[in-house]
């Protein structure tokens, strides 16, 4: 399915309007079945999210509602069509993203910003994510902040992995402050990797979602993917590398400065964090916000600020994040 050209994909849909009914006609029944899902489950989910009436009839999907709602579902179906063409499957999170008002609508943009990895193609799902992907490709240093579920870690790992597989860099370095251990990793059992693994689980999850487990393990064994706790980064120079510092809200001003100054020839550094989840005993010691203030004027450094509208997990996550944000503002 991934070999279907984009032009063919565009030609494979026809839209017929009649009063408050929209018919979306598919020329390829295999793609139609992929979009509607087993037992029409994808359409049922889309129907529930958009509060519209959606039916599958023959080689068409029928939508009955106001013209505005019909267009919303039309855009969602086109999004899911592209998702199935690119990945051969549609997940629940894709259906949620398909109705996100910030989703990328221009087909040329979708092609430009698709991140192709061995297991799946990753598509940015909001304008901020599109801006973030552009920064990850074009800038040497990227600092991003925002709530959980906005794709900060996942998209950075996806870009890093594609660059490694394309041999544009020689290694990926994953780092994270081990706040709960007070950086005293020697007190934890096991070797260095075993000590740090619990703190890097989100980074591992992203890697395993994009490349087979065995291949990731082999890359780690030969050093193409390196696990480097923040406390152990001092004194190094990173060349031909893509280094990601995750959970940077738990790094101090001095630690972030140290990590940033590790950058060497042909390297990128990404710093990600959520200012609302600082675990440091003294929250004022977090260096994430200060790094943006100090470095924001430098052209070589991209600053990306996500908010609850960029959350691409379950829609309830966005509501939860906004509710807590509103409560903090009241205080």
C-alpha atoms as a PDB file:
ATOM      1  CA  UNK A   1       0.000   0.000   0.000  1.00  0.00           C
ATOM      2  CA  UNK A   2       2.942   2.317   0.662  1.00  0.00           C
ATOM      3  CA  UNK A   3       3.872   2.120  -3.008  1.00  0.00           C
ATOM      4  CA  UNK A   4       0.647   3.769  -4.147  1.00  0.00           C
ATOM      5  CA  UNK A   5       1.617   7.151  -5.553  1.00  0.00           C
ATOM      6  CA  UNK A   6       0.203  10.261  -3.982  1.00  0.00           C
ATOM      7  CA  UNK A   7      -1.381  11.303  -7.270  1.00  0.00           C
ATOM      8  CA  UNK A   8      -3.243   8.005  -7.461  1.00  0.00           C
ATOM      9  CA  UNK A   9      -4.397   8.483  -3.882  1.00  0.00           C
ATOM     10  CA  UNK A  10      -5.864  11.881  -4.733  1.00  0.00           C
ATOM     11  CA  UNK A  11      -7.581  10.492  -7.844  1.00  0.00           C
ATOM     12  CA  UNK A  12      -9.031   7.605  -5.846  1.00  0.00           C
ATOM     13  CA  UNK A  13     -11.654   9.751  -4.068  1.00  0.00           C
ATOM     14  CA  UNK A  14     -14.709  11.530  -5.443  1.00  0.00           C
ATOM     15  CA  UNK A  15     -16.968  13.875  -3.443  1.00  0.00           C
ATOM     16  CA  UNK A  16     -20.662  14.221  -4.313  1.00  0.00           C
ATOM     17  CA  UNK A  17     -22.805  16.814  -2.489  1.00  0.00           C
ATOM     18  CA  UNK A  18     -26.610  16.625  -2.231  1.00  0.00           C
ATOM     19  CA  UNK A  19     -28.438  18.928   0.202  1.00  0.00           C
ATOM     20  CA  UNK A  20     -27.128  17.907   3.645  1.00  0.00           C
ATOM     21  CA  UNK A  21     -25.588  14.662   2.431  1.00  0.00           C
ATOM     22  CA  UNK A  22     -22.003  14.101   1.304  1.00  0.00           C
ATOM     23  CA  UNK A  23     -21.010  10.958  -0.577  1.00  0.00           C
ATOM     24  CA  UNK A  24     -17.310  10.054  -0.572  1.00  0.00           C
ATOM     25  CA  UNK A  25     -16.797   7.564  -3.395  1.00  0.00           C
ATOM     26  CA  UNK A  26     -13.776   5.231  -3.358  1.00  0.00           C
ATOM     27  CA  UNK A  27     -12.382   3.713  -6.542  1.00  0.00           C
ATOM     28  CA  UNK A  28     -10.263   1.257  -4.540  1.00  0.00           C
ATOM     29  CA  UNK A  29     -12.328  -1.031  -2.310  1.00  0.00           C
ATOM     30  CA  UNK A  30      -9.272  -2.267  -0.387  1.00  0.00           C
ATOM     31  CA  UNK A  31      -8.542   1.279   0.738  1.00  0.00           C
ATOM     32  CA  UNK A  32     -12.222   1.797   1.549  1.00  0.00           C
ATOM     33  CA  UNK A  33     -12.193  -1.270   3.816  1.00  0.00           C
ATOM     34  CA  UNK A  34      -9.037  -0.021   5.499  1.00  0.00           C
ATOM     35  CA  UNK A  35     -10.572   3.384   6.174  1.00  0.00           C
ATOM     36  CA  UNK A  36     -13.931   2.133   7.516  1.00  0.00           C
ATOM     37  CA  UNK A  37     -12.237  -0.560   9.612  1.00  0.00           C
ATOM     38  CA  UNK A  38     -13.417  -3.979  10.719  1.00  0.00           C
ATOM     39  CA  UNK A  39     -17.168  -3.936  11.395  1.00  0.00           C
ATOM     40  CA  UNK A  40     -17.089  -0.206  10.484  1.00  0.00           C
ATOM     41  CA  UNK A  41     -15.328   0.490  13.800  1.00  0.00           C
ATOM     42  CA  UNK A  42     -13.345   3.444  12.443  1.00  0.00           C
ATOM     43  CA  UNK A  43     -16.500   5.089  11.120  1.00  0.00           C
ATOM     44  CA  UNK A  44     -18.288   4.483  14.423  1.00  0.00           C
ATOM     45  CA  UNK A  45     -15.446   6.173  16.306  1.00  0.00           C
ATOM     46  CA  UNK A  46     -15.401   9.086  13.855  1.00  0.00           C
ATOM     47  CA  UNK A  47     -19.184   9.347  14.100  1.00  0.00           C
ATOM     48  CA  UNK A  48     -18.947   9.551  17.887  1.00  0.00           C
ATOM     49  CA  UNK A  49     -16.209  12.185  17.904  1.00  0.00           C
ATOM     50  CA  UNK A  50     -17.859  14.439  15.304  1.00  0.00           C
ATOM     51  CA  UNK A  51     -21.457  13.827  16.398  1.00  0.00           C
ATOM     52  CA  UNK A  52     -22.536  13.109  12.829  1.00  0.00           C
ATOM     53  CA  UNK A  53     -24.302  10.268  11.000  1.00  0.00           C
ATOM     54  CA  UNK A  54     -21.858   8.257   8.868  1.00  0.00           C
ATOM     55  CA  UNK A  55     -22.722   5.187   6.798  1.00  0.00           C
ATOM     56  CA  UNK A  56     -20.839   2.803   4.542  1.00  0.00           C
ATOM     57  CA  UNK A  57     -22.814   1.927   1.399  1.00  0.00           C
ATOM     58  CA  UNK A  58     -21.229  -0.065  -1.421  1.00  0.00           C
ATOM     59  CA  UNK A  59     -18.073   1.754  -2.477  1.00  0.00           C
ATOM     60  CA  UNK A  60     -19.058   5.000  -0.708  1.00  0.00           C
ATOM     61  CA  UNK A  61     -19.094   6.629   2.697  1.00  0.00           C
ATOM     62  CA  UNK A  62     -22.207   8.753   3.307  1.00  0.00           C
ATOM     63  CA  UNK A  63     -22.195  11.664   5.737  1.00  0.00           C
ATOM     64  CA  UNK A  64     -25.440  13.350   6.800  1.00  0.00           C
ATOM     65  CA  UNK A  65     -25.290  16.607   8.735  1.00  0.00           C
ATOM     66  CA  UNK A  66     -24.817  20.322   8.182  1.00  0.00           C
ATOM     67  CA  UNK A  67     -22.468  21.379   5.348  1.00  0.00           C
ATOM     68  CA  UNK A  68     -19.909  22.486   7.949  1.00  0.00           C
ATOM     69  CA  UNK A  69     -19.986  19.152   9.773  1.00  0.00           C
ATOM     70  CA  UNK A  70     -19.894  17.276   6.477  1.00  0.00           C
ATOM     71  CA  UNK A  71     -16.734  19.144   5.489  1.00  0.00           C
ATOM     72  CA  UNK A  72     -15.201  18.289   8.870  1.00  0.00           C
ATOM     73  CA  UNK A  73     -15.827  14.595   8.263  1.00  0.00           C
ATOM     74  CA  UNK A  74     -14.613  14.931   4.662  1.00  0.00           C
ATOM     75  CA  UNK A  75     -11.277  16.323   5.888  1.00  0.00           C
ATOM     76  CA  UNK A  76     -11.085  13.556   8.476  1.00  0.00           C
ATOM     77  CA  UNK A  77     -11.710  10.856   5.854  1.00  0.00           C
ATOM     78  CA  UNK A  78      -9.018  12.338   3.601  1.00  0.00           C
ATOM     79  CA  UNK A  79      -6.619  12.349   6.570  1.00  0.00           C
ATOM     80  CA  UNK A  80      -7.410   8.686   7.355  1.00  0.00           C
ATOM     81  CA  UNK A  81      -7.134   7.810   3.657  1.00  0.00           C
ATOM     82  CA  UNK A  82      -3.593   9.215   3.604  1.00  0.00           C
ATOM     83  CA  UNK A  83      -2.770   7.489   6.892  1.00  0.00           C
ATOM     84  CA  UNK A  84      -3.829   4.116   5.473  1.00  0.00           C
ATOM     85  CA  UNK A  85      -1.915   4.724   2.227  1.00  0.00           C
ATOM     86  CA  UNK A  86       1.256   5.540   4.191  1.00  0.00           C
ATOM     87  CA  UNK A  87       1.056   2.975   7.010  1.00  0.00           C
ATOM     88  CA  UNK A  88      -1.351   0.267   5.875  1.00  0.00           C
ATOM     89  CA  UNK A  89      -3.279   0.615   9.116  1.00  0.00           C
ATOM     90  CA  UNK A  90      -5.364   3.089  11.108  1.00  0.00           C
ATOM     91  CA  UNK A  91      -5.220   3.375  14.896  1.00  0.00           C
ATOM     92  CA  UNK A  92      -7.655   5.055  17.265  1.00  0.00           C
ATOM     93  CA  UNK A  93      -5.240   7.933  17.822  1.00  0.00           C
ATOM     94  CA  UNK A  94      -5.260   8.570  14.055  1.00  0.00           C
ATOM     95  CA  UNK A  95      -9.042   8.954  14.117  1.00  0.00           C
ATOM     96  CA  UNK A  96      -8.760  11.438  16.981  1.00  0.00           C
ATOM     97  CA  UNK A  97      -6.077  13.368  15.103  1.00  0.00           C
ATOM     98  CA  UNK A  98      -8.140  13.355  11.905  1.00  0.00           C
ATOM     99  CA  UNK A  99     -10.602  15.837  13.393  1.00  0.00           C
ATOM    100  CA  UNK A 100      -7.981  18.014  15.052  1.00  0.00           C
ATOM    101  CA  UNK A 101      -8.635  21.534  13.765  1.00  0.00           C
ATOM    102  CA  UNK A 102      -4.889  22.133  13.534  1.00  0.00           C
ATOM    103  CA  UNK A 103      -4.198  19.141  11.306  1.00  0.00           C
ATOM    104  CA  UNK A 104      -2.207  19.792   8.145  1.00  0.00           C
ATOM    105  CA  UNK A 105      -4.656  20.091   5.283  1.00  0.00           C
ATOM    106  CA  UNK A 106      -2.407  20.832   2.326  1.00  0.00           C
ATOM    107  CA  UNK A 107      -1.374  17.607   0.583  1.00  0.00           C
ATOM    108  CA  UNK A 108       1.975  19.037  -0.413  1.00  0.00           C
ATOM    109  CA  UNK A 109       2.685  19.813   3.248  1.00  0.00           C
ATOM    110  CA  UNK A 110       1.815  16.254   4.231  1.00  0.00           C
ATOM    111  CA  UNK A 111       4.344  14.878   1.788  1.00  0.00           C
ATOM    112  CA  UNK A 112       7.006  17.366   2.864  1.00  0.00           C
ATOM    113  CA  UNK A 113       6.681  16.678   6.579  1.00  0.00           C
ATOM    114  CA  UNK A 114       6.180  12.905   6.555  1.00  0.00           C
ATOM    115  CA  UNK A 115       8.891  11.129   8.575  1.00  0.00           C
ATOM    116  CA  UNK A 116       9.407   7.688   7.039  1.00  0.00           C
ATOM    117  CA  UNK A 117      10.759   5.061   9.432  1.00  0.00           C
ATOM    118  CA  UNK A 118      11.080   1.299   8.850  1.00  0.00           C
ATOM    119  CA  UNK A 119       7.913   0.421  10.819  1.00  0.00           C
ATOM    120  CA  UNK A 120       5.673   3.386  10.011  1.00  0.00           C
ATOM    121  CA  UNK A 121       5.409   6.854   8.554  1.00  0.00           C
ATOM    122  CA  UNK A 122       4.979   9.614  11.115  1.00  0.00           C
ATOM    123  CA  UNK A 123       2.888  12.657  10.179  1.00  0.00           C
ATOM    124  CA  UNK A 124       2.891  15.841  12.304  1.00  0.00           C
ATOM    125  CA  UNK A 125      -0.662  16.446  13.494  1.00  0.00           C
ATOM    126  CA  UNK A 126      -0.741  20.139  14.320  1.00  0.00           C
ATOM    127  CA  UNK A 127       0.793  23.330  12.977  1.00  0.00           C
ATOM    128  CA  UNK A 128       3.154  23.467  15.967  1.00  0.00           C
ATOM    129  CA  UNK A 129       4.268  19.902  15.291  1.00  0.00           C
ATOM    130  CA  UNK A 130       4.907  20.822  11.665  1.00  0.00           C
ATOM    131  CA  UNK A 131       7.021  23.762  12.832  1.00  0.00           C
ATOM    132  CA  UNK A 132       8.826  21.458  15.266  1.00  0.00           C
ATOM    133  CA  UNK A 133       9.649  18.898  12.537  1.00  0.00           C
ATOM    134  CA  UNK A 134      10.996  21.692  10.329  1.00  0.00           C
ATOM    135  CA  UNK A 135      13.181  22.890  13.208  1.00  0.00           C
ATOM    136  CA  UNK A 136      14.426  19.358  13.923  1.00  0.00           C
ATOM    137  CA  UNK A 137      15.569  19.104  10.321  1.00  0.00           C
ATOM    138  CA  UNK A 138      16.970  22.601   9.838  1.00  0.00           C
ATOM    139  CA  UNK A 139      18.302  23.849  13.192  1.00  0.00           C
ATOM    140  CA  UNK A 140      21.353  22.802  15.156  1.00  0.00           C
ATOM    141  CA  UNK A 141      19.747  23.299  18.558  1.00  0.00           C
ATOM    142  CA  UNK A 142      16.047  22.899  19.328  1.00  0.00           C
ATOM    143  CA  UNK A 143      14.440  23.693  22.672  1.00  0.00           C
ATOM    144  CA  UNK A 144      10.823  22.643  23.051  1.00  0.00           C
ATOM    145  CA  UNK A 145       8.497  22.836  26.017  1.00  0.00           C
ATOM    146  CA  UNK A 146       4.890  21.911  26.576  1.00  0.00           C
ATOM    147  CA  UNK A 147       2.531  19.386  28.149  1.00  0.00           C
ATOM    148  CA  UNK A 148       2.604  15.619  27.828  1.00  0.00           C
ATOM    149  CA  UNK A 149       1.274  14.142  24.617  1.00  0.00           C
ATOM    150  CA  UNK A 150       2.392  16.895  22.246  1.00  0.00           C
ATOM    151  CA  UNK A 151       4.949  14.726  20.430  1.00  0.00           C
ATOM    152  CA  UNK A 152       8.112  16.427  21.704  1.00  0.00           C
ATOM    153  CA  UNK A 153       9.992  13.207  22.373  1.00  0.00           C
ATOM    154  CA  UNK A 154       8.407  11.006  19.717  1.00  0.00           C
ATOM    155  CA  UNK A 155       9.039  13.326  16.782  1.00  0.00           C
ATOM    156  CA  UNK A 156      12.620  14.045  17.906  1.00  0.00           C
ATOM    157  CA  UNK A 157      13.372  10.312  18.138  1.00  0.00           C
ATOM    158  CA  UNK A 158      11.759   9.718  14.715  1.00  0.00           C
ATOM    159  CA  UNK A 159      13.917  12.385  13.036  1.00  0.00           C
ATOM    160  CA  UNK A 160      17.037  11.150  14.836  1.00  0.00           C
ATOM    161  CA  UNK A 161      16.390   7.570  13.750  1.00  0.00           C
ATOM    162  CA  UNK A 162      15.884   8.493  10.095  1.00  0.00           C
ATOM    163  CA  UNK A 163      19.120  10.509  10.125  1.00  0.00           C
ATOM    164  CA  UNK A 164      20.985   7.551  11.649  1.00  0.00           C
ATOM    165  CA  UNK A 165      19.590   5.072   9.129  1.00  0.00           C
ATOM    166  CA  UNK A 166      20.372   7.484   6.273  1.00  0.00           C
ATOM    167  CA  UNK A 167      23.942   7.754   7.653  1.00  0.00           C
ATOM    168  CA  UNK A 168      23.672  11.525   8.069  1.00  0.00           C
ATOM    169  CA  UNK A 169      24.870  11.038  11.651  1.00  0.00           C
ATOM    170  CA  UNK A 170      26.849   8.284  13.357  1.00  0.00           C
ATOM    171  CA  UNK A 171      24.962   7.921  16.614  1.00  0.00           C
ATOM    172  CA  UNK A 172      21.956   8.906  18.666  1.00  0.00           C
ATOM    173  CA  UNK A 173      22.524   9.951  22.265  1.00  0.00           C
ATOM    174  CA  UNK A 174      19.618   9.736  24.692  1.00  0.00           C
ATOM    175  CA  UNK A 175      19.923  11.570  27.979  1.00  0.00           C
ATOM    176  CA  UNK A 176      17.689  12.421  30.894  1.00  0.00           C
ATOM    177  CA  UNK A 177      18.245  13.761  34.407  1.00  0.00           C
ATOM    178  CA  UNK A 178      17.744  10.997  36.979  1.00  0.00           C
ATOM    179  CA  UNK A 179      16.139  13.276  39.513  1.00  0.00           C
ATOM    180  CA  UNK A 180      14.607  10.557  41.666  1.00  0.00           C
ATOM    181  CA  UNK A 181      18.067   9.053  42.210  1.00  0.00           C
ATOM    182  CA  UNK A 182      19.582  12.444  42.964  1.00  0.00           C
ATOM    183  CA  UNK A 183      22.041  11.719  40.122  1.00  0.00           C
ATOM    184  CA  UNK A 184      23.739   9.239  42.517  1.00  0.00           C
ATOM    185  CA  UNK A 185      23.369   6.381  40.085  1.00  0.00           C
ATOM    186  CA  UNK A 186      26.059   4.313  41.762  1.00  0.00           C
ATOM    187  CA  UNK A 187      23.598   3.377  44.512  1.00  0.00           C
ATOM    188  CA  UNK A 188      21.316   1.658  42.011  1.00  0.00           C
ATOM    189  CA  UNK A 189      21.838  -2.054  41.166  1.00  0.00           C
ATOM    190  CA  UNK A 190      23.200  -3.250  37.815  1.00  0.00           C
ATOM    191  CA  UNK A 191      25.469  -1.791  35.165  1.00  0.00           C
ATOM    192  CA  UNK A 192      25.164   1.750  33.806  1.00  0.00           C
ATOM    193  CA  UNK A 193      22.453   0.892  31.300  1.00  0.00           C
ATOM    194  CA  UNK A 194      20.388  -0.925  33.925  1.00  0.00           C
ATOM    195  CA  UNK A 195      20.712   2.018  36.287  1.00  0.00           C
ATOM    196  CA  UNK A 196      19.477   4.535  33.733  1.00  0.00           C
ATOM    197  CA  UNK A 197      16.902   2.482  31.792  1.00  0.00           C
ATOM    198  CA  UNK A 198      13.918   3.277  34.051  1.00  0.00           C
ATOM    199  CA  UNK A 199      14.425   7.007  33.466  1.00  0.00           C
ATOM    200  CA  UNK A 200      14.694   6.628  29.691  1.00  0.00           C
ATOM    201  CA  UNK A 201      11.658   4.402  29.147  1.00  0.00           C
ATOM    202  CA  UNK A 202       9.698   6.977  27.037  1.00  0.00           C
ATOM    203  CA  UNK A 203      12.675   7.266  24.682  1.00  0.00           C
ATOM    204  CA  UNK A 204      12.918   3.483  24.373  1.00  0.00           C
ATOM    205  CA  UNK A 205       9.167   3.239  23.733  1.00  0.00           C
ATOM    206  CA  UNK A 206       9.495   5.681  20.840  1.00  0.00           C
ATOM    207  CA  UNK A 207      12.448   3.757  19.371  1.00  0.00           C
ATOM    208  CA  UNK A 208      10.669   0.401  19.570  1.00  0.00           C
ATOM    209  CA  UNK A 209       7.594   1.904  17.919  1.00  0.00           C
ATOM    210  CA  UNK A 210       9.685   2.998  14.918  1.00  0.00           C
ATOM    211  CA  UNK A 211      12.206   0.152  14.473  1.00  0.00           C
ATOM    212  CA  UNK A 212      12.182  -3.562  15.343  1.00  0.00           C
ATOM    213  CA  UNK A 213      13.230  -4.436  18.889  1.00  0.00           C
ATOM    214  CA  UNK A 214      16.124  -6.644  17.775  1.00  0.00           C
ATOM    215  CA  UNK A 215      17.523  -3.929  15.499  1.00  0.00           C
ATOM    216  CA  UNK A 216      17.322  -1.344  18.271  1.00  0.00           C
ATOM    217  CA  UNK A 217      19.129  -3.707  20.646  1.00  0.00           C
ATOM    218  CA  UNK A 218      21.869  -4.303  18.066  1.00  0.00           C
ATOM    219  CA  UNK A 219      22.285  -0.546  17.526  1.00  0.00           C
ATOM    220  CA  UNK A 220      22.638  -0.083  21.267  1.00  0.00           C
ATOM    221  CA  UNK A 221      25.195  -2.902  21.525  1.00  0.00           C
ATOM    222  CA  UNK A 222      27.435  -1.465  18.797  1.00  0.00           C
ATOM    223  CA  UNK A 223      27.096   2.070  20.139  1.00  0.00           C
ATOM    224  CA  UNK A 224      25.009   3.638  17.366  1.00  0.00           C
ATOM    225  CA  UNK A 225      22.429   4.407  20.042  1.00  0.00           C
ATOM    226  CA  UNK A 226      23.984   5.480  23.316  1.00  0.00           C
ATOM    227  CA  UNK A 227      22.422   5.840  26.739  1.00  0.00           C
ATOM    228  CA  UNK A 228      24.105   8.732  28.497  1.00  0.00           C
ATOM    229  CA  UNK A 229      22.753  10.007  31.850  1.00  0.00           C
ATOM    230  CA  UNK A 230      22.981  13.768  32.089  1.00  0.00           C
ATOM    231  CA  UNK A 231      25.331  13.568  35.056  1.00  0.00           C
ATOM    232  CA  UNK A 232      27.866  11.735  32.878  1.00  0.00           C
ATOM    233  CA  UNK A 233      27.843  14.117  29.903  1.00  0.00           C
ATOM    234  CA  UNK A 234      30.313  16.611  31.316  1.00  0.00           C
ATOM    235  CA  UNK A 235      33.579  17.012  29.426  1.00  0.00           C
ATOM    236  CA  UNK A 236      32.424  15.334  26.211  1.00  0.00           C
ATOM    237  CA  UNK A 237      32.246  16.726  22.672  1.00  0.00           C
ATOM    238  CA  UNK A 238      29.482  15.279  20.506  1.00  0.00           C
ATOM    239  CA  UNK A 239      30.403  14.957  16.816  1.00  0.00           C
ATOM    240  CA  UNK A 240      28.191  13.512  14.066  1.00  0.00           C
ATOM    241  CA  UNK A 241      25.510  12.977  16.673  1.00  0.00           C
ATOM    242  CA  UNK A 242      21.859  13.636  17.418  1.00  0.00           C
ATOM    243  CA  UNK A 243      21.557  14.192  21.163  1.00  0.00           C
ATOM    244  CA  UNK A 244      18.202  14.376  22.944  1.00  0.00           C
ATOM    245  CA  UNK A 245      17.805  15.603  26.514  1.00  0.00           C
ATOM    246  CA  UNK A 246      14.363  14.547  27.686  1.00  0.00           C
ATOM    247  CA  UNK A 247      12.531  15.775  30.821  1.00  0.00           C
ATOM    248  CA  UNK A 248      14.714  18.881  30.768  1.00  0.00           C
ATOM    249  CA  UNK A 249      12.432  20.642  33.252  1.00  0.00           C
ATOM    250  CA  UNK A 250      14.291  18.561  35.860  1.00  0.00           C
ATOM    251  CA  UNK A 251      17.697  19.847  34.770  1.00  0.00           C
ATOM    252  CA  UNK A 252      19.247  22.895  36.380  1.00  0.00           C
ATOM    253  CA  UNK A 253      20.431  25.967  34.526  1.00  0.00           C
ATOM    254  CA  UNK A 254      24.040  24.776  34.854  1.00  0.00           C
ATOM    255  CA  UNK A 255      23.218  21.274  33.582  1.00  0.00           C
ATOM    256  CA  UNK A 256      21.385  22.539  30.490  1.00  0.00           C
ATOM    257  CA  UNK A 257      24.263  24.905  29.704  1.00  0.00           C
ATOM    258  CA  UNK A 258      26.671  21.984  30.072  1.00  0.00           C
ATOM    259  CA  UNK A 259      24.596  19.782  27.755  1.00  0.00           C
ATOM    260  CA  UNK A 260      24.229  22.495  25.106  1.00  0.00           C
ATOM    261  CA  UNK A 261      27.949  23.186  25.040  1.00  0.00           C
ATOM    262  CA  UNK A 262      28.685  19.531  24.202  1.00  0.00           C
ATOM    263  CA  UNK A 263      27.670  20.174  20.579  1.00  0.00           C
ATOM    264  CA  UNK A 264      30.324  19.435  17.992  1.00  0.00           C
ATOM    265  CA  UNK A 265      30.682  19.203  14.222  1.00  0.00           C
ATOM    266  CA  UNK A 266      27.650  17.916  12.276  1.00  0.00           C
ATOM    267  CA  UNK A 267      25.536  17.499  15.390  1.00  0.00           C
ATOM    268  CA  UNK A 268      22.107  18.425  16.669  1.00  0.00           C
ATOM    269  CA  UNK A 269      20.947  18.884  20.228  1.00  0.00           C
ATOM    270  CA  UNK A 270      17.298  18.694  21.264  1.00  0.00           C
ATOM    271  CA  UNK A 271      16.101  19.743  24.705  1.00  0.00           C
ATOM    272  CA  UNK A 272      12.546  18.775  25.648  1.00  0.00           C
ATOM    273  CA  UNK A 273      10.595  19.412  28.810  1.00  0.00           C
ATOM    274  CA  UNK A 274       7.252  20.045  30.476  1.00  0.00           C
ATOM    275  CA  UNK A 275       7.384  23.062  32.821  1.00  0.00           C
ATOM    276  CA  UNK A 276       4.292  21.806  34.657  1.00  0.00           C
ATOM    277  CA  UNK A 277       6.046  18.604  35.782  1.00  0.00           C
ATOM    278  CA  UNK A 278       9.142  19.799  37.635  1.00  0.00           C
ATOM    279  CA  UNK A 279      10.327  17.191  40.169  1.00  0.00           C
ATOM    280  CA  UNK A 280      13.275  19.160  41.541  1.00  0.00           C
ATOM    281  CA  UNK A 281      13.057  19.851  45.309  1.00  0.00           C
ATOM    282  CA  UNK A 282      13.339  23.554  44.482  1.00  0.00           C
ATOM    283  CA  UNK A 283      11.279  24.185  41.340  1.00  0.00           C
ATOM    284  CA  UNK A 284      12.966  27.543  40.780  1.00  0.00           C
ATOM    285  CA  UNK A 285      16.198  25.689  39.962  1.00  0.00           C
ATOM    286  CA  UNK A 286      14.738  24.333  36.693  1.00  0.00           C
ATOM    287  CA  UNK A 287      16.786  25.691  33.785  1.00  0.00           C
ATOM    288  CA  UNK A 288      14.341  24.998  30.944  1.00  0.00           C
ATOM    289  CA  UNK A 289      12.527  28.335  30.987  1.00  0.00           C
ATOM    290  CA  UNK A 290      15.744  30.267  31.511  1.00  0.00           C
ATOM    291  CA  UNK A 291      17.442  28.550  28.565  1.00  0.00           C
ATOM    292  CA  UNK A 292      14.661  29.797  26.267  1.00  0.00           C
ATOM    293  CA  UNK A 293      14.955  33.322  27.629  1.00  0.00           C
ATOM    294  CA  UNK A 294      18.747  33.427  27.254  1.00  0.00           C
ATOM    295  CA  UNK A 295      19.033  31.736  23.849  1.00  0.00           C
ATOM    296  CA  UNK A 296      15.813  32.724  22.090  1.00  0.00           C
ATOM    297  CA  UNK A 297      17.492  35.499  20.082  1.00  0.00           C
ATOM    298  CA  UNK A 298      20.024  33.188  18.410  1.00  0.00           C
ATOM    299  CA  UNK A 299      19.095  32.324  14.814  1.00  0.00           C
ATOM    300  CA  UNK A 300      20.711  28.901  15.017  1.00  0.00           C
ATOM    301  CA  UNK A 301      18.434  27.887  17.889  1.00  0.00           C
ATOM    302  CA  UNK A 302      14.735  27.107  17.434  1.00  0.00           C
ATOM    303  CA  UNK A 303      12.334  27.539  20.342  1.00  0.00           C
ATOM    304  CA  UNK A 304       9.015  25.664  20.130  1.00  0.00           C
ATOM    305  CA  UNK A 305       6.290  26.144  22.757  1.00  0.00           C
ATOM    306  CA  UNK A 306       3.452  23.605  22.686  1.00  0.00           C
ATOM    307  CA  UNK A 307       0.161  23.923  24.548  1.00  0.00           C
ATOM    308  CA  UNK A 308      -2.915  21.782  25.232  1.00  0.00           C
ATOM    309  CA  UNK A 309      -4.242  22.279  21.679  1.00  0.00           C
ATOM    310  CA  UNK A 310      -1.258  20.300  20.371  1.00  0.00           C
ATOM    311  CA  UNK A 311      -1.959  17.198  22.477  1.00  0.00           C
ATOM    312  CA  UNK A 312      -2.441  14.200  20.160  1.00  0.00           C
ATOM    313  CA  UNK A 313      -3.237  11.510  22.716  1.00  0.00           C
ATOM    314  CA  UNK A 314      -6.761  10.805  23.952  1.00  0.00           C
ATOM    315  CA  UNK A 315      -8.828  14.037  23.651  1.00  0.00           C
ATOM    316  CA  UNK A 316      -9.392  13.936  27.415  1.00  0.00           C
ATOM    317  CA  UNK A 317      -5.655  14.551  27.928  1.00  0.00           C
ATOM    318  CA  UNK A 318      -5.972  17.963  26.275  1.00  0.00           C
ATOM    319  CA  UNK A 319      -8.911  18.833  28.528  1.00  0.00           C
ATOM    320  CA  UNK A 320      -7.006  17.714  31.634  1.00  0.00           C
ATOM    321  CA  UNK A 321      -3.951  19.759  30.687  1.00  0.00           C
ATOM    322  CA  UNK A 322      -6.079  22.851  30.020  1.00  0.00           C
ATOM    323  CA  UNK A 323      -7.968  22.449  33.298  1.00  0.00           C
ATOM    324  CA  UNK A 324      -4.758  22.351  35.323  1.00  0.00           C
ATOM    325  CA  UNK A 325      -3.321  25.243  33.326  1.00  0.00           C
ATOM    326  CA  UNK A 326      -6.441  27.338  33.984  1.00  0.00           C
ATOM    327  CA  UNK A 327      -6.263  26.508  37.683  1.00  0.00           C
ATOM    328  CA  UNK A 328      -2.638  27.664  37.870  1.00  0.00           C
ATOM    329  CA  UNK A 329      -3.571  30.949  36.180  1.00  0.00           C
ATOM    330  CA  UNK A 330      -6.310  31.554  38.780  1.00  0.00           C
ATOM    331  CA  UNK A 331      -3.816  31.032  41.554  1.00  0.00           C
END
